[in-house]
Amino acid sequence: MSRAIGALAGLSAFVALASAAWLAPRATPRADEAGWTLAEPVLLPEERTQGNARWREVSCAQCHEEIAREWGATLHALAWEDEVFQDELASIRRKKSCHGCHAPLPLVGTDLAQRPEERPMWRHFGVDCRACHLDAEGRVHGPWGAPSPGHTSVQDDAYAGAGSNALCISCHRVSIGPVLGIAQDFVDEQLGARGLSCVGCHMAPVERSMAVDDRTGEPLPARAGRSHALQTPRDPSFLAQAFALATERTATGALLRVTNRAGHRVPGIEDRRLVFEVTALDAAGKALATGELVVSRREYLAWGESRELALEAKGVTDLRVRATHDAPAYARPVVFLERELELAE
């Protein structure tokens, strides 16, 4: 890894249940059903850390300022400095087992089946541009390989479609401390072979200039790419999309079915807890019965898995669903979904 460290110096500078809930038949979402509405993530004020304030110091930001700004607000950029991580790290005996994923040396050209090696410098940048794009020769890999006077560019299929999964999986299959290796679910279910990808759900497609000319300062021509403002459960509207909700009228009342449509189990952190509060309503909007489904470390929802909650009440016409997300970074549970659903016949 000495050559990778030298290249780094030269450049200087990625989520089960109560009250009559039970396992329903496993669903099998098709690839064309896995589309997500991806927009600029809206982060929550309850979080202890909002972003990496030093994102402009990454050398790539000189030409790729917009991309670097997006990255700076992600948990990748905070992978090392995040207060929640540092608190957990203090209680872990083998701390170095966490370092490789929270501050990794460049992954390009390494054995991605192995845990990444830790970076001995610039750890405050967490999982930075170099970790995912730089090789041991100092070349920058990406989906286009467009020529650049600032560095040697390499077009690499590892940044397109299902081929891009390997980089993400390298870290996200690892289970250490409170972190659950959710990417292993993606591997075990062979979702990549179905045309699904980590990027497809977590990086919104964009068309824009990806950089400025380092000689003229003018934006380069726009082209298709991906936003680096990674979509995660930090954004309530994105988290809501991880679940498909369906209702059903029963002989004694009504039923709510919650299906996990993410590409892995939910949650992905041991201390996360999601609660679906369900209220049965009559035609006048009067509450007839209530119940809840809880998704947690012990009661997790596997990919494609459904769980059901039955409410007993006569005259039910609708179900009101309010879901909250509690996590170590939040001062209080955050509402991520509020819906009123008409009963299906």
Protein backbone atom coordinates (compact mmCIF):
# COMPACT_ATOMS: atom_id res chain seq x y z
CA MET A 1 0.00 0.00 0.00
CA SER A 2 3.00 2.33 0.04
CA ARG A 3 2.31 3.39 -3.56
CA ALA A 4 -1.31 4.19 -2.64
CA ILE A 5 -0.13 6.29 0.28
CA GLY A 6 2.25 8.11 -2.05
CA ALA A 7 -0.57 8.80 -4.48
CA LEU A 8 -2.69 10.10 -1.63
CA ALA A 9 0.07 12.49 -0.66
CA GLY A 10 0.49 13.60 -4.24
CA LEU A 11 -3.16 14.59 -4.49
CA SER A 12 -2.96 16.17 -1.00
CA ALA A 13 -5.59 16.39 -0.11
CA PHE A 14 -22.62 4.00 2.53
CA VAL A 15 -31.23 0.60 7.27
CA ALA A 16 -40.71 -7.05 13.01
CA LEU A 17 -43.41 -6.59 15.15
CA ALA A 18 -46.33 -6.55 17.72
CA SER A 19 -50.07 -7.13 18.22
CA ALA A 20 -51.17 -9.99 15.93
CA ALA A 21 -48.24 -9.42 13.55
CA TRP A 22 -46.87 -12.44 11.71
CA LEU A 23 -44.68 -13.35 8.75
CA ALA A 24 -46.51 -13.17 5.45
CA PRO A 25 -45.33 -14.81 2.21
CA ARG A 26 -42.10 -13.30 0.94
CA ALA A 27 -42.60 -10.73 -1.80
CA THR A 28 -40.32 -10.54 -4.82
CA PRO A 29 -40.09 -6.94 -6.10
CA ARG A 30 -39.15 -6.70 -9.77
CA ALA A 31 -36.30 -4.48 -10.87
CA ASP A 32 -38.71 -2.08 -12.56
CA GLU A 33 -40.59 -1.66 -9.26
CA ALA A 34 -37.48 -0.56 -7.42
CA GLY A 35 -37.44 3.00 -8.70
CA TRP A 36 -37.11 5.69 -6.10
CA THR A 37 -37.98 9.36 -6.07
CA LEU A 38 -34.58 10.86 -5.36
CA ALA A 39 -34.17 14.53 -4.55
CA GLU A 40 -31.78 16.69 -2.58
CA PRO A 41 -31.77 15.05 0.89
CA VAL A 42 -33.41 17.08 3.67
CA LEU A 43 -31.38 16.46 6.82
CA LEU A 44 -32.79 16.80 10.31
CA PRO A 45 -31.90 19.44 12.91
CA GLU A 46 -31.99 16.74 15.61
CA GLU A 47 -28.79 15.23 14.31
CA ARG A 48 -25.67 15.85 16.36
CA THR A 49 -23.46 16.40 13.32
CA GLN A 50 -24.70 17.93 10.07
CA GLY A 51 -21.71 17.73 7.75
CA ASN A 52 -17.96 17.86 7.34
CA ALA A 53 -17.13 21.56 7.62
CA ARG A 54 -13.74 20.99 5.97
CA TRP A 55 -15.03 19.66 2.64
CA ARG A 56 -13.42 22.50 0.70
CA GLU A 57 -9.99 21.29 1.84
CA VAL A 58 -10.25 18.14 -0.27
CA SER A 59 -8.09 18.82 -3.30
CA CYS A 60 -10.78 17.50 -5.66
CA ALA A 61 -13.01 20.41 -4.61
CA GLN A 62 -10.82 22.79 -6.60
CA CYS A 63 -12.35 21.53 -9.85
CA HIS A 64 -15.33 19.50 -8.59
CA GLU A 65 -16.76 21.96 -6.06
CA GLU A 66 -20.44 21.02 -6.42
CA ILE A 67 -19.74 17.31 -6.06
CA ALA A 68 -17.44 17.91 -3.11
CA ARG A 69 -20.08 20.08 -1.43
CA GLU A 70 -22.66 17.29 -1.80
CA TRP A 71 -20.25 14.72 -0.43
CA GLY A 72 -19.39 16.99 2.51
CA ALA A 73 -22.96 16.72 3.88
CA THR A 74 -23.00 12.90 3.84
CA LEU A 75 -22.18 10.32 6.47
CA HIS A 76 -19.32 9.22 4.21
CA ALA A 77 -17.66 12.57 4.81
CA LEU A 78 -18.45 12.22 8.54
CA ALA A 79 -17.45 8.58 8.77
CA TRP A 80 -14.54 9.40 11.07
CA GLU A 81 -15.58 12.59 12.85
CA ASP A 82 -19.24 11.71 13.52
CA GLU A 83 -19.87 11.99 17.25
CA VAL A 84 -22.01 8.83 17.32
CA PHE A 85 -19.18 6.83 15.75
CA GLN A 86 -16.58 8.26 18.11
CA ASP A 87 -18.80 7.47 21.12
CA GLU A 88 -19.24 3.87 19.96
CA LEU A 89 -15.54 3.53 19.12
CA ALA A 90 -14.61 4.35 22.71
CA SER A 91 -16.43 1.21 23.90
CA ILE A 92 -15.05 -1.18 21.26
CA ARG A 93 -12.04 -3.25 22.32
CA ARG A 94 -10.50 -3.79 18.87
CA LYS A 95 -10.81 -0.26 17.57
CA LYS A 96 -8.62 -0.82 14.52
CA SER A 97 -11.23 -3.20 13.11
CA CYS A 98 -13.39 -0.10 12.49
CA HIS A 99 -10.70 2.15 11.03
CA GLY A 100 -10.52 0.59 7.57
CA CYS A 101 -14.12 1.40 6.69
CA HIS A 102 -14.32 4.77 8.44
CA ALA A 103 -11.05 6.09 6.97
CA PRO A 104 -10.01 3.72 4.16
CA LEU A 105 -7.07 3.73 1.82
CA PRO A 106 -8.10 3.79 -1.88
CA LEU A 107 -10.15 0.74 -2.77
CA VAL A 108 -9.61 0.73 -6.53
CA GLY A 109 -7.44 -2.20 -7.56
CA THR A 110 -7.59 -3.93 -4.17
CA ASP A 111 -9.30 -7.18 -3.22
CA LEU A 112 -12.78 -5.87 -2.47
CA ALA A 113 -13.69 -9.16 -0.77
CA GLN A 114 -11.34 -8.12 2.03
CA ARG A 115 -11.95 -5.45 4.63
CA PRO A 116 -10.35 -2.15 3.51
CA GLU A 117 -7.04 -1.09 4.98
CA GLU A 118 -7.02 1.95 7.22
CA ARG A 119 -5.64 5.27 6.05
CA PRO A 120 -2.93 6.67 8.31
CA MET A 121 -3.55 10.30 7.38
CA TRP A 122 -6.44 12.72 6.70
CA ARG A 123 -8.84 10.58 8.70
CA HIS A 124 -11.02 13.63 9.31
CA PHE A 125 -12.20 13.30 5.67
CA GLY A 126 -13.72 9.86 6.39
CA VAL A 127 -14.67 8.01 3.21
CA ASP A 128 -13.43 10.59 0.74
CA CYS A 129 -13.10 10.97 -3.03
CA ARG A 130 -9.79 9.11 -3.07
CA ALA A 131 -11.23 6.10 -1.24
CA CYS A 132 -13.63 5.35 -4.11
CA HIS A 133 -11.90 6.84 -7.18
CA LEU A 134 -8.09 6.74 -6.83
CA ASP A 135 -5.84 3.84 -7.74
CA ALA A 136 -2.32 3.05 -6.55
CA GLU A 137 -0.83 4.85 -9.57
CA GLY A 138 -2.60 8.11 -8.79
CA ARG A 139 -5.13 7.70 -11.61
CA VAL A 140 -8.77 8.69 -11.06
CA HIS A 141 -11.40 6.09 -12.04
CA GLY A 142 -14.99 6.87 -12.99
CA PRO A 143 -17.78 6.02 -15.44
CA TRP A 144 -16.52 8.35 -18.19
CA GLY A 145 -12.75 8.54 -18.15
CA ALA A 146 -12.89 12.02 -19.67
CA PRO A 147 -9.45 13.54 -20.25
CA SER A 148 -8.36 16.06 -17.63
CA PRO A 149 -5.25 18.21 -17.31
CA GLY A 150 -5.50 17.84 -13.52
CA HIS A 151 -5.08 14.07 -13.36
CA THR A 152 -5.06 10.88 -15.42
CA SER A 153 -8.63 9.61 -15.88
CA VAL A 154 -9.66 5.99 -16.36
CA GLN A 155 -13.04 4.82 -17.66
CA ASP A 156 -14.05 1.96 -15.40
CA ASP A 157 -17.13 -0.30 -15.63
CA ALA A 158 -17.01 -0.62 -11.84
CA TYR A 159 -18.85 2.72 -11.75
CA ALA A 160 -21.79 1.72 -13.96
CA GLY A 161 -24.93 -0.28 -13.11
CA ALA A 162 -24.55 -3.44 -11.07
CA GLY A 163 -20.80 -3.24 -11.52
CA SER A 164 -20.73 -0.37 -9.05
CA ASN A 165 -21.97 -2.51 -6.16
CA ALA A 166 -18.61 -4.01 -5.25
CA LEU A 167 -17.14 -0.77 -3.89
CA CYS A 168 -20.13 -0.18 -1.60
CA ILE A 169 -20.35 -3.80 -0.49
CA SER A 170 -16.69 -3.86 0.52
CA CYS A 171 -17.49 -1.85 3.68
CA HIS A 172 -21.23 -2.30 4.05
CA ARG A 173 -21.11 -6.10 4.38
CA VAL A 174 -19.12 -5.76 7.61
CA SER A 175 -20.87 -6.18 10.97
CA ILE A 176 -18.98 -4.60 13.87
CA GLY A 177 -20.41 -3.27 17.13
CA PRO A 178 -23.81 -1.66 16.47
CA VAL A 179 -23.36 -1.74 12.67
CA LEU A 180 -25.12 -4.54 10.77
CA GLY A 181 -23.62 -5.67 7.46
CA ILE A 182 -26.73 -5.03 5.39
CA ALA A 183 -24.92 -5.31 2.06
CA GLN A 184 -24.50 -9.03 2.73
CA ASP A 185 -28.27 -9.31 2.30
CA PHE A 186 -27.90 -7.69 -1.12
CA VAL A 187 -25.25 -10.29 -2.02
CA ASP A 188 -27.15 -13.28 -0.61
CA GLU A 189 -30.32 -12.34 -2.51
CA GLN A 190 -28.30 -11.82 -5.72
CA LEU A 191 -30.02 -8.50 -6.30
CA GLY A 192 -27.22 -7.26 -8.54
CA ALA A 193 -28.10 -10.02 -11.02
CA ARG A 194 -31.67 -8.65 -11.03
CA GLY A 195 -30.41 -5.29 -12.22
CA LEU A 196 -30.55 -3.55 -8.84
CA SER A 197 -27.70 -1.47 -7.49
CA CYS A 198 -26.71 0.49 -4.41
CA VAL A 199 -26.23 3.57 -6.59
CA GLY A 200 -29.69 3.17 -8.12
CA CYS A 201 -31.35 3.80 -4.75
CA HIS A 202 -28.84 6.04 -3.00
CA MET A 203 -27.47 8.39 -5.69
CA ALA A 204 -29.93 10.46 -7.71
CA PRO A 205 -29.31 10.70 -11.47
CA VAL A 206 -28.30 14.20 -12.57
CA GLU A 207 -27.16 15.94 -15.73
CA ARG A 208 -24.74 18.78 -15.15
CA SER A 209 -21.20 19.97 -15.57
CA MET A 210 -19.09 17.71 -13.40
CA ALA A 211 -16.11 20.06 -13.13
CA VAL A 212 -14.57 23.35 -14.13
CA ASP A 213 -11.60 23.75 -16.43
CA ASP A 214 -8.66 24.30 -14.08
CA ARG A 215 -7.07 26.70 -16.59
CA THR A 216 -10.05 28.87 -17.55
CA GLY A 217 -12.37 28.34 -14.59
CA GLU A 218 -15.23 27.68 -17.02
CA PRO A 219 -17.66 24.77 -16.44
CA LEU A 220 -17.06 21.75 -18.65
CA PRO A 221 -19.96 20.51 -20.85
CA ALA A 222 -22.85 18.92 -18.96
CA ARG A 223 -23.24 15.16 -18.98
CA ALA A 224 -25.23 12.46 -17.18
CA GLY A 225 -23.98 11.40 -13.78
CA ARG A 226 -24.98 10.81 -10.17
CA SER A 227 -25.47 13.15 -7.25
CA HIS A 228 -23.03 12.59 -4.39
CA ALA A 229 -25.59 13.83 -1.84
CA LEU A 230 -26.23 10.26 -0.76
CA GLN A 231 -29.80 9.31 0.11
CA THR A 232 -30.05 7.63 3.54
CA PRO A 233 -32.55 7.26 6.43
CA ARG A 234 -31.38 10.71 7.54
CA ASP A 235 -33.97 12.01 5.03
CA PRO A 236 -37.50 11.07 6.24
CA SER A 237 -39.02 11.15 2.75
CA PHE A 238 -36.39 8.71 1.50
CA LEU A 239 -36.85 6.37 4.46
CA ALA A 240 -40.61 6.28 3.80
CA GLN A 241 -39.92 4.85 0.34
CA ALA A 242 -38.30 1.78 1.88
CA PHE A 243 -41.76 0.46 2.78
CA ALA A 244 -44.75 -0.51 0.67
CA LEU A 245 -48.06 -0.22 2.55
CA ALA A 246 -51.22 -2.14 1.67
CA THR A 247 -54.61 -2.51 3.38
CA GLU A 248 -57.17 -5.28 3.41
CA ARG A 249 -60.69 -5.59 4.80
CA THR A 250 -61.13 -8.62 7.06
CA ALA A 251 -64.14 -10.38 8.59
CA THR A 252 -63.43 -8.70 11.94
CA GLY A 253 -61.98 -5.36 10.88
CA ALA A 254 -58.93 -4.38 8.85
CA LEU A 255 -55.34 -5.33 8.17
CA LEU A 256 -52.21 -3.33 7.33
CA ARG A 257 -49.38 -5.00 5.43
CA VAL A 258 -45.88 -3.45 5.54
CA THR A 259 -43.35 -4.74 3.00
CA ASN A 260 -39.64 -3.96 2.97
CA ARG A 261 -38.71 -2.77 -0.53
CA ALA A 262 -35.16 -1.69 0.32
CA GLY A 263 -32.35 -3.87 -1.03
CA HIS A 264 -31.48 -5.18 2.42
CA ARG A 265 -32.85 -5.71 5.91
CA VAL A 266 -34.16 -2.79 7.94
CA PRO A 267 -32.76 -1.47 10.19
CA GLY A 268 -29.02 -1.49 9.53
CA ILE A 269 -27.93 -0.05 12.87
CA GLU A 270 -28.53 -1.96 16.11
CA ASP A 271 -29.99 1.01 17.97
CA ARG A 272 -32.40 2.15 15.26
CA ARG A 273 -36.11 1.65 15.97
CA LEU A 274 -39.02 2.28 13.61
CA VAL A 275 -42.59 2.26 14.91
CA PHE A 276 -45.71 2.17 12.69
CA GLU A 277 -48.67 3.49 14.70
CA VAL A 278 -51.95 2.41 13.05
CA THR A 279 -55.45 3.74 13.74
CA ALA A 280 -58.67 2.27 12.32
CA LEU A 281 -61.16 5.00 11.30
CA ASP A 282 -64.84 4.97 10.41
CA ALA A 283 -66.44 7.05 7.62
CA ALA A 284 -66.68 10.07 9.94
CA GLY A 285 -62.99 9.86 10.85
CA LYS A 286 -63.61 8.50 14.35
CA ALA A 287 -60.88 6.29 15.82
CA LEU A 288 -62.15 2.75 16.38
CA ALA A 289 -58.99 0.80 17.28
CA THR A 290 -55.21 1.26 17.42
CA GLY A 291 -52.11 -0.90 17.19
CA GLU A 292 -48.44 -0.74 16.25
CA LEU A 293 -45.72 -2.58 14.36
CA VAL A 294 -42.14 -2.24 15.57
CA VAL A 295 -39.07 -2.71 13.38
CA SER A 296 -35.88 -3.04 15.39
CA ARG A 297 -32.63 -4.96 15.71
CA ARG A 298 -34.40 -8.01 17.17
CA GLU A 299 -37.56 -7.62 15.08
CA TYR A 300 -35.96 -6.67 11.78
CA LEU A 301 -37.70 -6.75 8.43
CA ALA A 302 -35.78 -8.71 5.79
CA TRP A 303 -35.68 -7.67 2.15
CA GLY A 304 -38.98 -8.43 0.40
CA GLU A 305 -40.52 -9.55 3.68
CA SER A 306 -44.00 -8.48 4.76
CA ARG A 307 -45.53 -8.24 8.19
CA GLU A 308 -49.16 -7.68 8.98
CA LEU A 309 -51.13 -5.98 11.75
CA ALA A 310 -54.80 -6.84 12.23
CA LEU A 311 -57.16 -4.41 13.95
CA GLU A 312 -60.57 -5.60 15.13
CA ALA A 313 -63.36 -3.05 14.74
CA LYS A 314 -66.70 -2.82 12.95
CA GLY A 315 -67.30 -0.14 10.36
CA VAL A 316 -63.65 0.52 9.44
CA THR A 317 -63.22 2.46 6.19
CA ASP A 318 -59.64 3.76 6.45
CA LEU A 319 -56.36 3.17 8.25
CA ARG A 320 -54.24 6.08 9.44
CA VAL A 321 -50.52 5.26 9.58
CA ARG A 322 -47.92 7.35 11.39
CA ALA A 323 -44.36 6.02 11.46
CA THR A 324 -41.44 7.30 13.53
CA HIS A 325 -37.70 6.66 13.38
CA ASP A 326 -35.52 6.72 16.48
CA ALA A 327 -31.74 6.60 16.16
CA PRO A 328 -28.70 7.44 18.32
CA ALA A 329 -28.19 10.79 16.58
CA TYR A 330 -31.74 12.00 17.26
CA ALA A 331 -32.89 13.88 20.34
CA ARG A 332 -36.37 12.36 19.87
CA PRO A 333 -38.12 9.99 17.40
CA VAL A 334 -38.67 11.61 14.01
CA VAL A 335 -41.88 11.22 12.00
CA PHE A 336 -41.01 9.91 8.53
CA LEU A 337 -44.38 8.78 7.22
CA GLU A 338 -47.99 9.94 7.70
CA ARG A 339 -50.69 8.46 5.49
CA GLU A 340 -54.41 7.73 5.49
CA LEU A 341 -55.21 4.63 3.46
CA GLU A 342 -58.62 3.57 2.18
CA LEU A 343 -59.35 -0.10 2.77
CA ALA A 344 -58.93 -2.36 -0.23
CA GLU A 345 -61.84 -4.73 -0.81
